C-alpha atoms as a PDB file:
ATOM      1  CA  MET A   1       0.071   0.058   0.104  1.00  0.00           C
ATOM      2  CA  PHE A   2       1.216   3.383  -0.741  1.00  0.00           C
ATOM      3  CA  SER A   3       0.771   6.830   1.391  1.00  0.00           C
ATOM      4  CA  ILE A   4      -1.356   9.627   0.878  1.00  0.00           C
ATOM      5  CA  ALA A   5      -1.076  13.253   2.033  1.00  0.00           C
ATOM      6  CA  TRP A   6      -4.181  15.114   3.378  1.00  0.00           C
ATOM      7  CA  ALA A   7      -4.863  17.611   5.864  1.00  0.00           C
ATOM      8  CA  PRO A   8      -8.258  19.256   6.966  1.00  0.00           C
ATOM      9  CA  CYS A   9      -7.138  22.598   5.885  1.00  0.00           C
ATOM     10  CA  TYR A  10      -7.196  21.022   2.510  1.00  0.00           C
ATOM     11  CA  ALA A  11     -10.794  22.001   2.431  1.00  0.00           C
ATOM     12  CA  HIS A  12     -10.631  25.675   2.500  1.00  0.00           C
ATOM     13  CA  PRO A  13     -13.549  27.646   3.291  1.00  0.00           C
ATOM     14  CA  LEU A  14     -14.450  30.140   0.300  1.00  0.00           C
ATOM     15  CA  PRO A  15     -16.888  32.845  -0.784  1.00  0.00           C
ATOM     16  CA  ALA A  16     -20.322  31.679  -1.745  1.00  0.00           C
ATOM     17  CA  GLY A  17     -20.279  30.921  -5.145  1.00  0.00           C
ATOM     18  CA  HIS A  18     -16.497  30.758  -5.653  1.00  0.00           C
ATOM     19  CA  ARG A  19     -15.850  28.331  -8.754  1.00  0.00           C
ATOM     20  CA  PHE A  20     -13.198  26.181  -7.231  1.00  0.00           C
ATOM     21  CA  PRO A  21     -14.407  22.788  -5.941  1.00  0.00           C
ATOM     22  CA  MET A  22     -12.827  22.819  -2.297  1.00  0.00           C
ATOM     23  CA  LEU A  23     -15.357  20.141  -1.339  1.00  0.00           C
ATOM     24  CA  LYS A  24     -13.509  17.643  -3.313  1.00  0.00           C
ATOM     25  CA  TYR A  25     -10.784  17.533  -0.658  1.00  0.00           C
ATOM     26  CA  GLU A  26     -13.296  16.108   1.931  1.00  0.00           C
ATOM     27  CA  LEU A  27     -15.453  14.120  -0.622  1.00  0.00           C
ATOM     28  CA  LEU A  28     -12.492  12.137  -2.052  1.00  0.00           C
ATOM     29  CA  PRO A  29     -10.669  10.361   0.885  1.00  0.00           C
ATOM     30  CA  GLU A  30     -14.528   9.397   2.414  1.00  0.00           C
ATOM     31  CA  GLN A  31     -15.114   7.891  -1.047  1.00  0.00           C
ATOM     32  CA  LEU A  32     -11.470   5.975  -1.363  1.00  0.00           C
ATOM     33  CA  LEU A  33     -12.139   5.193   2.011  1.00  0.00           C
ATOM     34  CA  ARG A  34     -15.740   3.953   2.030  1.00  0.00           C
ATOM     35  CA  GLU A  35     -15.261   1.522  -1.099  1.00  0.00           C
ATOM     36  CA  GLY A  36     -12.313   0.225   0.846  1.00  0.00           C
ATOM     37  CA  THR A  37      -9.633   1.201  -1.956  1.00  0.00           C
ATOM     38  CA  VAL A  38      -7.648   2.675   0.842  1.00  0.00           C
ATOM     39  CA  THR A  39      -7.469   2.405   4.449  1.00  0.00           C
ATOM     40  CA  GLU A  40      -7.172   5.080   7.178  1.00  0.00           C
ATOM     41  CA  ALA A  41      -3.674   3.677   7.538  1.00  0.00           C
ATOM     42  CA  SER A  42      -2.832   5.192   4.098  1.00  0.00           C
ATOM     43  CA  PHE A  43      -3.049   8.837   4.884  1.00  0.00           C
ATOM     44  CA  PHE A  44      -0.618  10.709   6.973  1.00  0.00           C
ATOM     45  CA  THR A  45      -1.342  14.623   7.814  1.00  0.00           C
ATOM     46  CA  SER A  46       0.665  16.895   5.746  1.00  0.00           C
ATOM     47  CA  VAL A  47       2.926  19.821   8.017  1.00  0.00           C
ATOM     48  CA  PRO A  48       4.504  22.639   6.769  1.00  0.00           C
ATOM     49  CA  PRO A  49       8.151  22.720   5.721  1.00  0.00           C
ATOM     50  CA  PRO A  50      11.118  24.665   6.839  1.00  0.00           C
ATOM     51  CA  ALA A  51      10.811  27.964   4.974  1.00  0.00           C
ATOM     52  CA  ALA A  52      14.227  26.945   3.694  1.00  0.00           C
ATOM     53  CA  GLU A  53      12.674  24.498   1.335  1.00  0.00           C
ATOM     54  CA  ILE A  54      10.181  26.529   0.200  1.00  0.00           C
ATOM     55  CA  LEU A  55      12.583  29.320  -0.477  1.00  0.00           C
ATOM     56  CA  ARG A  56      14.574  27.214  -2.801  1.00  0.00           C
ATOM     57  CA  THR A  57      11.971  27.807  -5.287  1.00  0.00           C
ATOM     58  CA  HIS A  58      10.133  31.039  -4.488  1.00  0.00           C
ATOM     59  CA  THR A  59      11.632  34.482  -3.870  1.00  0.00           C
ATOM     60  CA  ALA A  60      12.094  35.297  -0.326  1.00  0.00           C
ATOM     61  CA  ASP A  61      10.281  38.925  -1.487  1.00  0.00           C
ATOM     62  CA  TYR A  62       7.146  37.059  -2.774  1.00  0.00           C
ATOM     63  CA  TYR A  63       7.058  34.459   0.140  1.00  0.00           C
ATOM     64  CA  TYR A  64       7.420  37.220   2.876  1.00  0.00           C
ATOM     65  CA  ARG A  65       4.606  39.175   1.166  1.00  0.00           C
ATOM     66  CA  LEU A  66       2.383  36.014   0.575  1.00  0.00           C
ATOM     67  CA  GLN A  67       2.800  34.957   4.423  1.00  0.00           C
ATOM     68  CA  HIS A  68       2.071  38.468   5.965  1.00  0.00           C
ATOM     69  CA  GLY A  69      -0.911  39.245   3.672  1.00  0.00           C
ATOM     70  CA  GLN A  70       0.764  42.221   1.861  1.00  0.00           C
ATOM     71  CA  LEU A  71      -0.280  41.055  -1.846  1.00  0.00           C
ATOM     72  CA  THR A  72      -1.637  43.553  -3.994  1.00  0.00           C
ATOM     73  CA  ARG A  73      -5.356  43.684  -4.814  1.00  0.00           C
ATOM     74  CA  GLN A  74      -4.398  42.814  -8.372  1.00  0.00           C
ATOM     75  CA  GLU A  75      -1.824  40.268  -7.293  1.00  0.00           C
ATOM     76  CA  GLU A  76      -4.704  38.400  -5.086  1.00  0.00           C
ATOM     77  CA  ARG A  77      -7.087  38.547  -7.776  1.00  0.00           C
ATOM     78  CA  VAL A  78      -4.911  36.561 -10.182  1.00  0.00           C
ATOM     79  CA  THR A  79      -4.585  34.065  -7.785  1.00  0.00           C
ATOM     80  CA  GLY A  80      -8.104  33.671  -7.827  1.00  0.00           C
ATOM     81  CA  PHE A  81      -8.464  33.151  -3.729  1.00  0.00           C
ATOM     82  CA  PRO A  82      -8.914  36.049  -1.312  1.00  0.00           C
ATOM     83  CA  TRP A  83      -5.690  35.968   0.713  1.00  0.00           C
ATOM     84  CA  SER A  84      -6.213  35.151   4.751  1.00  0.00           C
ATOM     85  CA  GLU A  85      -3.321  33.497   6.870  1.00  0.00           C
ATOM     86  CA  ALA A  86      -5.642  30.246   6.905  1.00  0.00           C
ATOM     87  CA  LEU A  87      -5.121  30.194   3.134  1.00  0.00           C
ATOM     88  CA  PHE A  88      -1.135  30.596   3.482  1.00  0.00           C
ATOM     89  CA  ILE A  89      -1.198  27.558   5.894  1.00  0.00           C
ATOM     90  CA  ARG A  90      -3.043  25.543   3.556  1.00  0.00           C
ATOM     91  CA  GLU A  91      -0.708  26.522   0.814  1.00  0.00           C
ATOM     92  CA  ILE A  92       2.311  25.380   3.088  1.00  0.00           C
ATOM     93  CA  THR A  93       0.835  22.284   3.959  1.00  0.00           C
ATOM     94  CA  ILE A  94      -0.208  21.223   0.416  1.00  0.00           C
ATOM     95  CA  LEU A  95       3.416  21.685  -0.377  1.00  0.00           C
ATOM     96  CA  GLY A  96       4.720  19.920   2.475  1.00  0.00           C
ATOM     97  CA  GLY A  97       2.440  17.220   1.820  1.00  0.00           C
ATOM     98  CA  THR A  98       4.257  16.976  -1.562  1.00  0.00           C
ATOM     99  CA  ILE A  99       7.990  17.084  -0.303  1.00  0.00           C
ATOM    100  CA  GLU A 100       6.703  14.171   2.446  1.00  0.00           C
ATOM    101  CA  CYS A 101       5.234  12.065  -0.453  1.00  0.00           C
ATOM    102  CA  ALA A 102       8.678  12.443  -2.320  1.00  0.00           C
ATOM    103  CA  ARG A 103      10.497  10.939   0.445  1.00  0.00           C
ATOM    104  CA  ARG A 104       8.185   8.241   1.070  1.00  0.00           C
ATOM    105  CA  ALA A 105       8.230   7.462  -2.936  1.00  0.00           C
ATOM    106  CA  LEU A 106      11.637   6.553  -2.538  1.00  0.00           C
ATOM    107  CA  GLN A 107      11.051   3.631  -0.292  1.00  0.00           C
ATOM    108  CA  GLN A 108       7.334   2.647  -1.201  1.00  0.00           C
ATOM    109  CA  GLY A 109       7.121   3.168  -5.088  1.00  0.00           C
ATOM    110  CA  ILE A 110       4.413   5.739  -5.309  1.00  0.00           C
ATOM    111  CA  ALA A 111       2.808   8.338  -3.147  1.00  0.00           C
ATOM    112  CA  PHE A 112      -0.250  10.444  -3.279  1.00  0.00           C
ATOM    113  CA  ASN A 113      -1.094  13.741  -2.690  1.00  0.00           C
ATOM    114  CA  VAL A 114      -5.042  14.297  -2.475  1.00  0.00           C
ATOM    115  CA  ALA A 115      -4.134  18.134  -3.272  1.00  0.00           C
ATOM    116  CA  GLY A 116      -1.160  19.678  -5.076  1.00  0.00           C
ATOM    117  CA  GLY A 117      -0.056  20.281  -8.528  1.00  0.00           C
ATOM    118  CA  THR A 118       0.066  24.049  -8.282  1.00  0.00           C
ATOM    119  CA  HIS A 119       1.538  24.325 -11.531  1.00  0.00           C
ATOM    120  CA  HIS A 120       0.828  27.788 -12.265  1.00  0.00           C
ATOM    121  CA  ALA A 121       2.901  29.491  -9.370  1.00  0.00           C
ATOM    122  CA  PHE A 122       6.000  31.018 -10.697  1.00  0.00           C
ATOM    123  CA  ALA A 123       9.068  31.881  -8.248  1.00  0.00           C
ATOM    124  CA  ASP A 124       7.944  35.470  -7.645  1.00  0.00           C
ATOM    125  CA  HIS A 125       4.083  35.246  -7.801  1.00  0.00           C
ATOM    126  CA  GLY A 126       0.764  33.115  -8.038  1.00  0.00           C
ATOM    127  CA  GLU A 127      -1.840  32.766 -10.858  1.00  0.00           C
ATOM    128  CA  GLY A 128      -4.704  30.418 -11.229  1.00  0.00           C
ATOM    129  CA  PHE A 129      -5.601  29.178  -7.929  1.00  0.00           C
ATOM    130  CA  CYS A 130      -1.800  28.268  -7.599  1.00  0.00           C
ATOM    131  CA  LEU A 131       0.140  30.186  -4.714  1.00  0.00           C
ATOM    132  CA  LEU A 132       3.243  27.916  -4.166  1.00  0.00           C
ATOM    133  CA  ASN A 133       4.710  25.691  -6.456  1.00  0.00           C
ATOM    134  CA  ASP A 134       4.495  22.469  -4.494  1.00  0.00           C
ATOM    135  CA  GLN A 135       6.062  19.798  -7.354  1.00  0.00           C
ATOM    136  CA  ALA A 136       8.835  22.369  -8.091  1.00  0.00           C
ATOM    137  CA  ALA A 137       9.602  22.757  -4.541  1.00  0.00           C
ATOM    138  CA  ALA A 138       9.437  19.037  -3.837  1.00  0.00           C
ATOM    139  CA  ALA A 139      11.597  18.176  -6.892  1.00  0.00           C
ATOM    140  CA  ASN A 140      14.242  20.828  -5.729  1.00  0.00           C
ATOM    141  CA  TYR A 141      14.309  19.161  -2.019  1.00  0.00           C
ATOM    142  CA  LEU A 142      15.127  16.178  -3.830  1.00  0.00           C
ATOM    143  CA  LEU A 143      18.078  17.308  -5.625  1.00  0.00           C
ATOM    144  CA  THR A 144      19.137  19.069  -2.555  1.00  0.00           C
ATOM    145  CA  HIS A 145      18.899  15.954  -0.178  1.00  0.00           C
ATOM    146  CA  GLU A 146      18.916  12.997  -2.377  1.00  0.00           C
ATOM    147  CA  PRO A 147      22.241  12.052  -3.712  1.00  0.00           C
ATOM    148  CA  SER A 148      20.656   9.342  -6.027  1.00  0.00           C
ATOM    149  CA  ILE A 149      18.203  11.746  -7.837  1.00  0.00           C
ATOM    150  CA  GLN A 150      20.297  13.455 -10.697  1.00  0.00           C
ATOM    151  CA  LYS A 151      17.080  13.847 -13.155  1.00  0.00           C
ATOM    152  CA  VAL A 152      13.302  14.367 -12.386  1.00  0.00           C
ATOM    153  CA  LEU A 153      10.630  14.296 -15.215  1.00  0.00           C
ATOM    154  CA  ILE A 154       7.574  16.043 -14.433  1.00  0.00           C
ATOM    155  CA  ILE A 155       4.673  14.758 -16.372  1.00  0.00           C
ATOM    156  CA  ASP A 156       1.849  17.476 -16.385  1.00  0.00           C
ATOM    157  CA  LEU A 157      -1.129  16.006 -17.546  1.00  0.00           C
ATOM    158  CA  ASP A 158      -3.808  18.806 -16.257  1.00  0.00           C
ATOM    159  CA  VAL A 159      -5.756  20.444 -19.117  1.00  0.00           C
ATOM    160  CA  HIS A 160      -3.690  23.598 -18.581  1.00  0.00           C
ATOM    161  CA  GLN A 161      -0.010  24.252 -19.302  1.00  0.00           C
ATOM    162  CA  GLY A 162       2.298  23.762 -16.461  1.00  0.00           C
ATOM    163  CA  ASN A 163       3.702  27.331 -17.077  1.00  0.00           C
ATOM    164  CA  GLY A 164       4.802  28.305 -13.723  1.00  0.00           C
ATOM    165  CA  THR A 165       6.564  25.118 -13.416  1.00  0.00           C
ATOM    166  CA  ALA A 166       8.023  25.454 -16.759  1.00  0.00           C
ATOM    167  CA  ALA A 167       9.422  29.001 -15.979  1.00  0.00           C
ATOM    168  CA  ILE A 168      10.943  27.799 -12.788  1.00  0.00           C
ATOM    169  CA  PHE A 169      13.023  24.992 -14.177  1.00  0.00           C
ATOM    170  CA  GLN A 170      13.839  26.793 -17.661  1.00  0.00           C
ATOM    171  CA  HIS A 171      17.322  26.915 -16.980  1.00  0.00           C
ATOM    172  CA  GLU A 172      17.608  23.888 -14.956  1.00  0.00           C
ATOM    173  CA  PRO A 173      18.575  20.803 -16.832  1.00  0.00           C
ATOM    174  CA  ARG A 174      18.730  18.088 -13.952  1.00  0.00           C
ATOM    175  CA  VAL A 175      14.348  18.625 -14.326  1.00  0.00           C
ATOM    176  CA  PHE A 176      12.500  18.289 -17.536  1.00  0.00           C
ATOM    177  CA  THR A 177       9.169  19.440 -17.538  1.00  0.00           C
ATOM    178  CA  PHE A 178       6.516  17.684 -20.176  1.00  0.00           C
ATOM    179  CA  SER A 179       3.039  19.285 -20.401  1.00  0.00           C
ATOM    180  CA  VAL A 180       0.166  18.110 -22.615  1.00  0.00           C
ATOM    181  CA  HIS A 181      -2.784  20.742 -22.659  1.00  0.00           C
ATOM    182  CA  GLY A 182      -5.665  22.613 -24.633  1.00  0.00           C
ATOM    183  CA  THR A 183      -4.078  24.928 -26.867  1.00  0.00           C
ATOM    184  CA  ARG A 184      -6.616  27.768 -26.349  1.00  0.00           C
ATOM    185  CA  ASN A 185      -6.752  27.025 -22.733  1.00  0.00           C
ATOM    186  CA  TYR A 186      -5.797  29.017 -19.819  1.00  0.00           C
ATOM    187  CA  PRO A 187      -2.768  30.262 -19.723  1.00  0.00           C
ATOM    188  CA  HIS A 188      -2.972  32.452 -22.785  1.00  0.00           C
ATOM    189  CA  ARG A 189       0.449  33.355 -22.653  1.00  0.00           C
ATOM    190  CA  LYS A 190       2.254  29.935 -22.678  1.00  0.00           C
ATOM    191  CA  GLU A 191       5.794  29.279 -21.212  1.00  0.00           C
ATOM    192  CA  HIS A 192       8.400  27.113 -22.857  1.00  0.00           C
ATOM    193  CA  SER A 193       8.196  23.700 -21.112  1.00  0.00           C
ATOM    194  CA  ASP A 194      11.164  21.147 -22.198  1.00  0.00           C
ATOM    195  CA  LEU A 195       8.154  19.691 -24.415  1.00  0.00           C
ATOM    196  CA  ASP A 196       4.875  21.018 -24.662  1.00  0.00           C
ATOM    197  CA  LEU A 197       2.107  19.020 -26.650  1.00  0.00           C
ATOM    198  CA  ALA A 198      -1.011  21.413 -27.270  1.00  0.00           C
ATOM    199  CA  LEU A 199      -4.269  19.737 -28.045  1.00  0.00           C
ATOM    200  CA  PRO A 200      -7.041  21.423 -30.017  1.00  0.00           C
ATOM    201  CA  ASP A 201     -10.681  21.411 -28.423  1.00  0.00           C
ATOM    202  CA  GLY A 202     -12.389  18.927 -28.639  1.00  0.00           C
ATOM    203  CA  THR A 203      -9.910  16.230 -28.164  1.00  0.00           C
ATOM    204  CA  GLY A 204     -11.158  12.616 -27.058  1.00  0.00           C
ATOM    205  CA  ASP A 205     -10.205   9.596 -25.945  1.00  0.00           C
ATOM    206  CA  ASP A 206      -8.662   7.861 -28.730  1.00  0.00           C
ATOM    207  CA  ALA A 207      -6.315  11.093 -30.105  1.00  0.00           C
ATOM    208  CA  TYR A 208      -5.318  11.702 -26.413  1.00  0.00           C
ATOM    209  CA  LEU A 209      -4.271   8.277 -25.494  1.00  0.00           C
ATOM    210  CA  ALA A 210      -2.347   7.711 -29.025  1.00  0.00           C
ATOM    211  CA  LEU A 211      -0.397  10.874 -28.463  1.00  0.00           C
ATOM    212  CA  LEU A 212       0.445  10.044 -24.783  1.00  0.00           C
ATOM    213  CA  GLY A 213       1.259   6.309 -26.124  1.00  0.00           C
ATOM    214  CA  ALA A 214       3.490   7.644 -29.077  1.00  0.00           C
ATOM    215  CA  THR A 215       5.292  10.009 -26.596  1.00  0.00           C
ATOM    216  CA  LEU A 216       5.712   9.051 -23.096  1.00  0.00           C
ATOM    217  CA  PRO A 217       7.762   5.537 -23.626  1.00  0.00           C
ATOM    218  CA  ARG A 218      10.106   7.543 -25.598  1.00  0.00           C
ATOM    219  CA  LEU A 219      10.371  10.034 -23.297  1.00  0.00           C
ATOM    220  CA  LEU A 220      11.163   8.169 -20.500  1.00  0.00           C
ATOM    221  CA  ASP A 221      13.976   6.461 -22.477  1.00  0.00           C
ATOM    222  CA  GLU A 222      15.466   9.761 -23.253  1.00  0.00           C
ATOM    223  CA  VAL A 223      15.286  11.237 -20.050  1.00  0.00           C
ATOM    224  CA  ALA A 224      16.029   8.454 -18.056  1.00  0.00           C
ATOM    225  CA  PRO A 225      14.564   9.893 -14.538  1.00  0.00           C
ATOM    226  CA  ASP A 226      15.550   9.272 -11.474  1.00  0.00           C
ATOM    227  CA  PHE A 227      11.969  10.351 -10.219  1.00  0.00           C
ATOM    228  CA  ILE A 228       8.602  11.270 -11.656  1.00  0.00           C
ATOM    229  CA  PHE A 229       6.276  13.724 -10.460  1.00  0.00           C
ATOM    230  CA  TYR A 230       2.663  13.210 -12.104  1.00  0.00           C
ATOM    231  CA  LEU A 231      -0.016  15.894 -12.412  1.00  0.00           C
ATOM    232  CA  ALA A 232      -3.054  13.919 -12.551  1.00  0.00           C
ATOM    233  CA  GLY A 233      -5.795  16.691 -13.760  1.00  0.00           C
ATOM    234  CA  VAL A 234      -9.291  15.458 -14.279  1.00  0.00           C
ATOM    235  CA  ASP A 235      -9.933  18.913 -16.236  1.00  0.00           C
ATOM    236  CA  VAL A 236      -9.701  17.132 -19.465  1.00  0.00           C
ATOM    237  CA  LEU A 237     -13.025  15.437 -19.148  1.00  0.00           C
ATOM    238  CA  ALA A 238     -15.691  16.333 -21.466  1.00  0.00           C
ATOM    239  CA  THR A 239     -18.018  17.562 -18.743  1.00  0.00           C
ATOM    240  CA  ASP A 240     -15.290  19.949 -17.329  1.00  0.00           C
ATOM    241  CA  LYS A 241     -16.223  23.504 -17.324  1.00  0.00           C
ATOM    242  CA  LEU A 242     -12.901  25.195 -17.823  1.00  0.00           C
ATOM    243  CA  GLY A 243     -11.245  22.364 -20.092  1.00  0.00           C
ATOM    244  CA  TYR A 244     -12.709  22.291 -23.765  1.00  0.00           C
ATOM    245  CA  LEU A 245     -11.188  18.700 -24.154  1.00  0.00           C
ATOM    246  CA  ALA A 246     -13.641  15.560 -24.502  1.00  0.00           C
ATOM    247  CA  LEU A 247     -12.252  12.529 -22.374  1.00  0.00           C
ATOM    248  CA  SER A 248     -14.406  10.219 -21.171  1.00  0.00           C
ATOM    249  CA  ARG A 249     -13.824   9.378 -17.412  1.00  0.00           C
ATOM    250  CA  ASP A 250     -12.560   5.942 -18.905  1.00  0.00           C
ATOM    251  CA  GLY A 251     -10.410   7.585 -21.074  1.00  0.00           C
ATOM    252  CA  CYS A 252      -8.909   9.431 -18.206  1.00  0.00           C
ATOM    253  CA  ARG A 253      -8.572   6.090 -16.144  1.00  0.00           C
ATOM    254  CA  GLN A 254      -6.953   4.585 -19.120  1.00  0.00           C
ATOM    255  CA  ARG A 255      -4.463   7.706 -19.266  1.00  0.00           C
ATOM    256  CA  ASP A 256      -3.705   7.218 -15.576  1.00  0.00           C
ATOM    257  CA  GLN A 257      -3.150   3.310 -16.313  1.00  0.00           C
ATOM    258  CA  PHE A 258      -0.505   3.914 -18.821  1.00  0.00           C
ATOM    259  CA  VAL A 259       1.202   6.720 -17.120  1.00  0.00           C
ATOM    260  CA  LEU A 260       1.489   4.569 -13.904  1.00  0.00           C
ATOM    261  CA  GLU A 261       2.083   1.189 -15.309  1.00  0.00           C
ATOM    262  CA  LEU A 262       5.213   2.844 -16.945  1.00  0.00           C
ATOM    263  CA  CYS A 263       6.501   3.970 -13.915  1.00  0.00           C
ATOM    264  CA  GLN A 264       6.249   0.755 -12.378  1.00  0.00           C
ATOM    265  CA  ARG A 265       7.675  -1.209 -15.399  1.00  0.00           C
ATOM    266  CA  GLN A 266      10.642   1.249 -15.426  1.00  0.00           C
ATOM    267  CA  GLN A 267      10.902   1.438 -11.389  1.00  0.00           C
ATOM    268  CA  VAL A 268      10.918   5.216 -11.259  1.00  0.00           C
ATOM    269  CA  PRO A 269       9.505   6.388  -8.073  1.00  0.00           C
ATOM    270  CA  VAL A 270       6.610   8.467  -8.844  1.00  0.00           C
ATOM    271  CA  VAL A 271       4.399  11.124  -6.510  1.00  0.00           C
ATOM    272  CA  VAL A 272       0.946  11.720  -8.034  1.00  0.00           C
ATOM    273  CA  CYS A 273      -1.022  15.346  -7.311  1.00  0.00           C
ATOM    274  CA  MET A 274      -4.580  15.471  -7.846  1.00  0.00           C
ATOM    275  CA  GLY A 275      -4.548  19.061  -9.954  1.00  0.00           C
ATOM    276  CA  GLY A 276      -7.536  20.738 -11.565  1.00  0.00           C
ATOM    277  CA  GLY A 277     -11.020  19.350 -12.294  1.00  0.00           C
ATOM    278  CA  TYR A 278     -14.314  21.929 -12.778  1.00  0.00           C
ATOM    279  CA  SER A 279     -16.885  19.914 -14.010  1.00  0.00           C
ATOM    280  CA  GLU A 280     -20.385  20.830 -13.388  1.00  0.00           C
ATOM    281  CA  ARG A 281     -21.344  18.080 -11.191  1.00  0.00           C
ATOM    282  CA  LEU A 282     -18.716  17.057  -8.175  1.00  0.00           C
ATOM    283  CA  VAL A 283     -19.628  13.437  -8.485  1.00  0.00           C
ATOM    284  CA  ASP A 284     -17.657  13.694 -11.782  1.00  0.00           C
ATOM    285  CA  ILE A 285     -14.521  15.139 -10.417  1.00  0.00           C
ATOM    286  CA  ILE A 286     -14.582  12.604  -7.626  1.00  0.00           C
ATOM    287  CA  GLU A 287     -15.206   9.605  -9.621  1.00  0.00           C
ATOM    288  CA  ALA A 288     -12.457  10.651 -11.908  1.00  0.00           C
ATOM    289  CA  HIS A 289      -9.967  11.511  -9.213  1.00  0.00           C
ATOM    290  CA  ALA A 290     -11.007   8.253  -7.351  1.00  0.00           C
ATOM    291  CA  ASN A 291      -9.836   6.318 -10.492  1.00  0.00           C
ATOM    292  CA  THR A 292      -6.368   7.341 -10.256  1.00  0.00           C
ATOM    293  CA  PHE A 293      -6.172   5.960  -6.646  1.00  0.00           C
ATOM    294  CA  ARG A 294      -8.020   2.642  -7.904  1.00  0.00           C
ATOM    295  CA  VAL A 295      -5.376   2.295 -10.890  1.00  0.00           C
ATOM    296  CA  ALA A 296      -2.586   2.706  -8.368  1.00  0.00           C
ATOM    297  CA  ALA A 297      -4.542   0.434  -5.686  1.00  0.00           C
ATOM    298  CA  HIS A 298      -4.295  -2.923  -8.629  1.00  0.00           C
ATOM    299  CA  LEU A 299      -0.564  -1.599  -9.306  1.00  0.00           C
ATOM    300  CA  TRP A 300       1.159  -1.541  -6.036  1.00  0.00           C
END
């Protein structure tokens, strides 16, 4: 069995009518436990890391202003979340969970964060519901503290390009960033990942899975990563309000199975973060996320 990072603060209260589905962070663990996919023993409580670990990725000025509520109104608006001390605690707790997942995945082969995948956060600012970049910080943690980790691959299959992650690692050859995303989707100004695959609106299961199947095995051979971070966003679904692609729930499950089977076959440890999902019906989000855990439970 694998470890899963979670904390009560993940489900942060937001103003009425806010479009971010915070409730999924409560409902997803409940669903996984109810159906027996995981047990209580699978979960560990995320805790914030030392500030020094965050400052390997984010600038001191931005971190200080975020901590003390000194973002400008425009900066706050771009993040999509109203600032509060509780929100700051949430963000550093999620980031700490991904770092601890990385440590555990080295022993267990795989670990999950119920939240995370905050790939729109840049070193010096946040965007798009992302204030701190958890996978970038965890990658930097491994490169600093684990001598066996010399090459990291970030597989970002959220429907939105991982612009913050791409920018953070643009001059870091030890981290290879790979993003598959919608061409016309947010962010409108894309950064340059090491490999970007941009898809037209309406791309469905067959085309998506064929492209991934033709790309990812070759990429693993070429990059030869010692560690993988997988951002398993479910905003690729046809039901997603913000996605514009057309994957079915089963197509999304097949995507996860392909990625995770490849990681297992190559014996590369992997941390999975949930990323985005904005379907109208919460059940579509929860079921698609749960499928990622179900696939892993059959493999590990």
